[in-house]
N, C-alpha and C. Protein backbone atom coordinates (compact mmCIF):
# COMPACT_ATOMS: atom_id res chain seq x y z
N MET A 1 -0.18 -9.07 7.17
CA MET A 1 -0.63 -8.57 5.82
C MET A 1 0.48 -7.60 5.82
N PRO A 2 1.83 -7.84 5.50
CA PRO A 2 3.03 -7.02 5.34
C PRO A 2 2.77 -6.00 4.10
N ASN A 3 2.21 -6.42 3.20
CA ASN A 3 1.99 -5.38 2.02
C ASN A 3 1.08 -4.39 2.48
N ALA A 4 -0.04 -4.57 3.29
CA ALA A 4 -0.81 -3.47 3.65
C ALA A 4 -0.24 -2.63 4.53
N ARG A 5 0.79 -2.88 5.49
CA ARG A 5 1.42 -2.06 6.17
C ARG A 5 2.40 -1.10 5.25
N GLY A 6 2.88 -1.92 4.26
CA GLY A 6 3.72 -1.12 3.25
C GLY A 6 2.88 -0.22 2.63
N ALA A 7 1.89 -0.54 2.13
CA ALA A 7 1.03 0.50 1.49
C ALA A 7 0.52 1.68 2.50
N ALA A 8 0.25 1.40 3.65
CA ALA A 8 0.08 2.32 4.55
C ALA A 8 1.02 3.40 4.93
N PHE A 9 2.15 2.71 4.84
CA PHE A 9 3.47 3.66 4.97
C PHE A 9 3.65 4.47 3.74
N ALA A 10 3.41 4.01 2.36
CA ALA A 10 3.48 4.61 1.27
C ALA A 10 2.56 5.85 1.21
N ARG A 11 1.43 5.62 1.75
CA ARG A 11 0.38 6.55 1.55
C ARG A 11 0.75 7.91 2.74
N ALA A 12 1.32 7.51 3.81
CA ALA A 12 2.00 8.38 4.80
C ALA A 12 3.05 9.25 4.64
N VAL A 13 4.00 8.55 3.84
CA VAL A 13 5.37 9.03 3.29
C VAL A 13 5.66 9.57 2.07
N LEU A 14 5.00 9.07 1.08
CA LEU A 14 5.18 9.40 -0.27
C LEU A 14 4.59 10.72 -0.73
N ARG A 15 5.43 11.45 -1.39
CA ARG A 15 4.91 12.86 -1.87
C ARG A 15 4.18 12.60 -2.94
N PRO A 16 3.32 13.69 -3.57
CA PRO A 16 2.70 13.30 -4.88
C PRO A 16 3.44 12.95 -5.84
N GLY A 17 3.16 11.97 -6.82
CA GLY A 17 3.88 11.65 -7.97
C GLY A 17 4.95 10.46 -7.46
N GLY A 18 4.95 10.25 -6.43
CA GLY A 18 5.68 9.11 -5.74
C GLY A 18 5.21 7.65 -6.38
N THR A 19 6.20 6.59 -6.08
CA THR A 19 6.08 5.19 -6.59
C THR A 19 6.18 4.20 -5.75
N PHE A 20 5.34 3.15 -5.74
CA PHE A 20 5.29 2.20 -4.77
C PHE A 20 5.41 0.82 -5.30
N LEU A 21 6.40 -0.09 -5.01
CA LEU A 21 6.39 -1.40 -5.53
C LEU A 21 6.28 -2.48 -4.66
N ALA A 22 5.58 -3.46 -4.63
CA ALA A 22 5.27 -4.46 -3.75
C ALA A 22 5.26 -5.79 -4.30
N LYS A 23 5.83 -6.82 -3.73
CA LYS A 23 5.83 -8.18 -4.24
C LYS A 23 4.90 -8.95 -3.63
N VAL A 24 3.96 -9.58 -4.34
CA VAL A 24 2.78 -10.06 -3.75
C VAL A 24 2.72 -11.69 -4.37
N ILE A 25 1.98 -12.32 -3.68
CA ILE A 25 1.67 -13.73 -4.07
C ILE A 25 0.31 -13.71 -4.74
N GLN A 26 0.13 -14.16 -6.02
CA GLN A 26 -1.10 -14.17 -6.66
C GLN A 26 -2.11 -15.06 -6.01
N GLY A 27 -3.29 -14.53 -5.95
CA GLY A 27 -4.30 -15.17 -5.07
C GLY A 27 -4.55 -14.88 -3.59
N GLY A 28 -3.50 -14.46 -3.07
CA GLY A 28 -3.60 -14.16 -1.55
C GLY A 28 -4.54 -12.93 -1.44
N THR A 29 -3.94 -11.91 -0.49
CA THR A 29 -4.45 -10.59 -0.37
C THR A 29 -4.44 -9.70 -1.49
N GLU A 30 -3.99 -9.99 -2.39
CA GLU A 30 -3.51 -9.18 -3.71
C GLU A 30 -4.61 -8.37 -4.25
N ALA A 31 -5.85 -8.81 -4.00
CA ALA A 31 -7.08 -8.09 -4.75
C ALA A 31 -7.39 -6.78 -3.80
N ALA A 32 -7.40 -7.07 -2.43
CA ALA A 32 -7.52 -5.84 -1.43
C ALA A 32 -6.55 -4.85 -1.60
N LEU A 33 -5.18 -5.29 -1.56
CA LEU A 33 -4.03 -4.40 -1.91
C LEU A 33 -4.29 -3.61 -3.29
N LEU A 34 -4.61 -4.14 -4.15
CA LEU A 34 -4.83 -3.54 -5.42
C LEU A 34 -5.83 -2.71 -5.37
N ALA A 35 -7.22 -2.86 -4.93
CA ALA A 35 -8.09 -1.98 -4.73
C ALA A 35 -7.63 -0.73 -4.02
N ASP A 36 -6.93 -0.95 -2.93
CA ASP A 36 -6.48 -0.10 -2.12
C ASP A 36 -5.43 1.05 -2.69
N LEU A 37 -4.55 0.38 -3.52
CA LEU A 37 -3.52 1.27 -4.26
C LEU A 37 -4.34 2.06 -5.32
N LYS A 38 -5.34 1.58 -5.95
CA LYS A 38 -5.98 2.23 -6.98
C LYS A 38 -6.75 3.37 -6.50
N ARG A 39 -6.97 3.55 -5.26
CA ARG A 39 -7.49 4.79 -4.69
C ARG A 39 -6.40 5.81 -4.56
N VAL A 40 -5.21 5.43 -4.15
CA VAL A 40 -4.10 6.37 -3.85
C VAL A 40 -3.33 6.74 -5.02
N PHE A 41 -3.24 5.85 -6.01
CA PHE A 41 -2.20 6.20 -7.22
C PHE A 41 -2.92 6.26 -8.47
N SER A 42 -2.58 6.99 -9.35
CA SER A 42 -3.08 7.18 -10.79
C SER A 42 -2.84 6.03 -11.58
N ASN A 43 -1.85 5.53 -11.56
CA ASN A 43 -1.58 4.18 -12.38
C ASN A 43 -1.22 3.07 -11.41
N VAL A 44 -1.68 1.86 -11.62
CA VAL A 44 -1.54 0.58 -10.68
C VAL A 44 -1.45 -0.47 -11.81
N LYS A 45 -0.46 -1.32 -11.86
CA LYS A 45 -0.41 -2.58 -12.74
C LYS A 45 0.54 -3.66 -12.17
N HIS A 46 0.05 -4.81 -12.69
CA HIS A 46 1.03 -5.94 -12.41
C HIS A 46 2.07 -6.05 -13.25
N VAL A 47 3.31 -6.33 -12.45
CA VAL A 47 4.40 -6.54 -13.16
C VAL A 47 5.11 -7.96 -12.90
N LYS A 48 5.40 -8.73 -14.00
CA LYS A 48 6.18 -9.83 -13.76
C LYS A 48 7.50 -10.11 -14.54
N PRO A 49 8.51 -9.80 -13.79
CA PRO A 49 9.86 -9.72 -14.56
C PRO A 49 10.16 -11.01 -15.55
N ALA A 50 10.70 -10.63 -16.60
CA ALA A 50 11.03 -11.63 -17.66
C ALA A 50 11.75 -12.77 -16.97
N ALA A 51 12.69 -12.40 -15.91
CA ALA A 51 13.53 -13.46 -15.42
C ALA A 51 12.77 -14.46 -14.47
N SER A 52 11.41 -14.02 -14.21
CA SER A 52 10.70 -14.89 -13.33
C SER A 52 10.28 -16.16 -14.12
N ARG A 53 9.95 -17.28 -13.13
CA ARG A 53 9.55 -18.61 -13.94
C ARG A 53 8.02 -18.40 -14.22
N VAL A 54 7.71 -18.85 -15.27
CA VAL A 54 6.23 -18.62 -15.84
C VAL A 54 5.26 -19.24 -14.64
N ASP A 55 5.49 -20.34 -14.11
CA ASP A 55 4.65 -21.10 -13.16
C ASP A 55 4.66 -20.48 -11.95
N SER A 56 5.47 -19.39 -11.54
CA SER A 56 5.60 -18.84 -10.21
C SER A 56 4.36 -18.05 -9.88
N ALA A 57 3.98 -18.11 -8.65
CA ALA A 57 2.86 -17.19 -8.10
C ALA A 57 3.24 -15.78 -7.83
N GLU A 58 4.63 -15.40 -7.85
CA GLU A 58 5.03 -14.39 -7.50
C GLU A 58 4.80 -13.39 -8.48
N LEU A 59 4.31 -11.98 -8.18
CA LEU A 59 4.25 -10.99 -9.14
C LEU A 59 4.26 -9.74 -8.28
N TYR A 60 4.45 -8.63 -8.89
CA TYR A 60 4.75 -7.31 -8.28
C TYR A 60 3.69 -6.38 -8.77
N LEU A 61 3.24 -5.59 -7.82
CA LEU A 61 2.22 -4.38 -8.08
C LEU A 61 3.02 -3.32 -7.91
N LEU A 62 3.03 -2.53 -9.23
CA LEU A 62 3.74 -1.24 -9.36
C LEU A 62 2.61 -0.14 -9.35
N ALA A 63 2.75 0.60 -8.38
CA ALA A 63 1.90 1.91 -8.47
C ALA A 63 2.71 3.27 -8.47
N THR A 64 2.17 3.95 -9.50
CA THR A 64 2.91 5.11 -9.85
C THR A 64 2.09 6.34 -9.66
N SER A 65 2.73 7.60 -9.69
CA SER A 65 1.99 8.75 -9.59
C SER A 65 0.86 9.03 -8.35
N ARG A 66 1.49 8.88 -7.41
CA ARG A 66 0.86 9.07 -6.21
C ARG A 66 -0.16 10.26 -6.21
N ARG A 67 -1.31 10.07 -5.96
CA ARG A 67 -2.38 11.47 -6.07
C ARG A 67 -2.08 12.36 -4.81
N LEU A 68 -2.37 13.54 -5.21
CA LEU A 68 -2.34 14.63 -4.25
C LEU A 68 -3.81 14.76 -3.54
N SER A 69 -4.13 14.38 -2.15
CA SER A 69 -5.32 14.39 -1.62
C SER A 69 -5.11 14.17 -0.03
N SER A 70 -5.32 15.09 0.71
CA SER A 70 -5.38 15.23 2.17
C SER A 70 -6.20 14.03 2.78
N ARG A 71 -7.17 13.71 2.14
CA ARG A 71 -8.13 12.71 2.82
C ARG A 71 -7.62 11.27 2.32
N LEU A 72 -6.44 11.11 1.85
CA LEU A 72 -5.96 9.82 1.60
C LEU A 72 -4.86 9.32 2.58
N ARG A 73 -4.52 10.38 3.47
CA ARG A 73 -3.49 10.03 4.46
C ARG A 73 -3.90 8.88 5.34
N ALA A 74 -2.84 8.02 5.65
CA ALA A 74 -3.03 7.02 6.53
C ALA A 74 -3.45 7.36 7.81
N ARG A 75 -4.30 6.53 8.46
CA ARG A 75 -4.81 7.04 9.69
C ARG A 75 -4.40 5.62 10.68
N PRO A 76 -3.81 6.23 11.79
CA PRO A 76 -3.34 5.01 12.63
C PRO A 76 -4.64 4.26 13.10
N SER A 77 -4.37 2.77 13.16
CA SER A 77 -5.41 2.00 13.66
C SER A 77 -5.51 2.07 15.25
N SER A 78 -6.48 1.72 15.76
CA SER A 78 -6.85 1.82 17.20
C SER A 78 -5.68 1.32 18.13
N SER A 79 -5.12 0.28 17.45
CA SER A 79 -3.68 -0.27 18.27
C SER A 79 -2.72 0.62 18.12
N ASP A 80 -2.41 1.20 17.09
CA ASP A 80 -1.36 2.24 16.85
C ASP A 80 -1.61 3.59 17.69
N ALA A 81 -2.90 3.93 17.89
CA ALA A 81 -3.01 5.26 18.53
C ALA A 81 -2.57 5.36 19.89
N PRO A 82 -2.10 6.50 20.23
CA PRO A 82 -1.20 6.77 21.46
C PRO A 82 -2.47 6.61 22.57
N LYS A 83 -2.08 6.23 23.84
CA LYS A 83 -3.19 5.89 24.75
C LYS A 83 -3.36 7.33 25.48
N ALA A 84 -4.67 7.59 25.67
CA ALA A 84 -4.89 8.84 26.45
C ALA A 84 -4.82 8.62 27.98
N THR A 85 -4.22 9.57 28.50
CA THR A 85 -4.09 9.55 29.98
C THR A 85 -4.93 10.70 30.59
N ARG A 86 -5.83 10.19 31.51
CA ARG A 86 -6.71 11.08 32.09
C ARG A 86 -5.81 11.71 33.38
N LEU A 87 -5.85 13.20 33.32
CA LEU A 87 -4.91 13.70 34.44
C LEU A 87 -5.93 14.31 35.48
N TYR A 88 -6.91 14.71 35.09
CA TYR A 88 -7.97 15.31 35.78
C TYR A 88 -9.39 14.65 35.95
N GLN A 89 -9.92 14.53 37.11
CA GLN A 89 -11.15 13.97 37.15
C GLN A 89 -12.31 14.98 37.37
């Protein structure tokens, strides 16, 4: 799920007021990504460029005005977390 990783990166790196743009395929994991972005950004909308074919399933999610909230920071997943090493028993 590349867009989910991109959204996690945006949450971790973008400053308040920042913008995120993701190309998605309509009907895929787009709904989950849309819900996630709506929690983090003030404005989220679908964008389809005029040059895009009408029958194309590709569209863009444009998220603007990243919200200021410390509780929305990306948390590393268990696979990304550093491994603890026990030195003393």
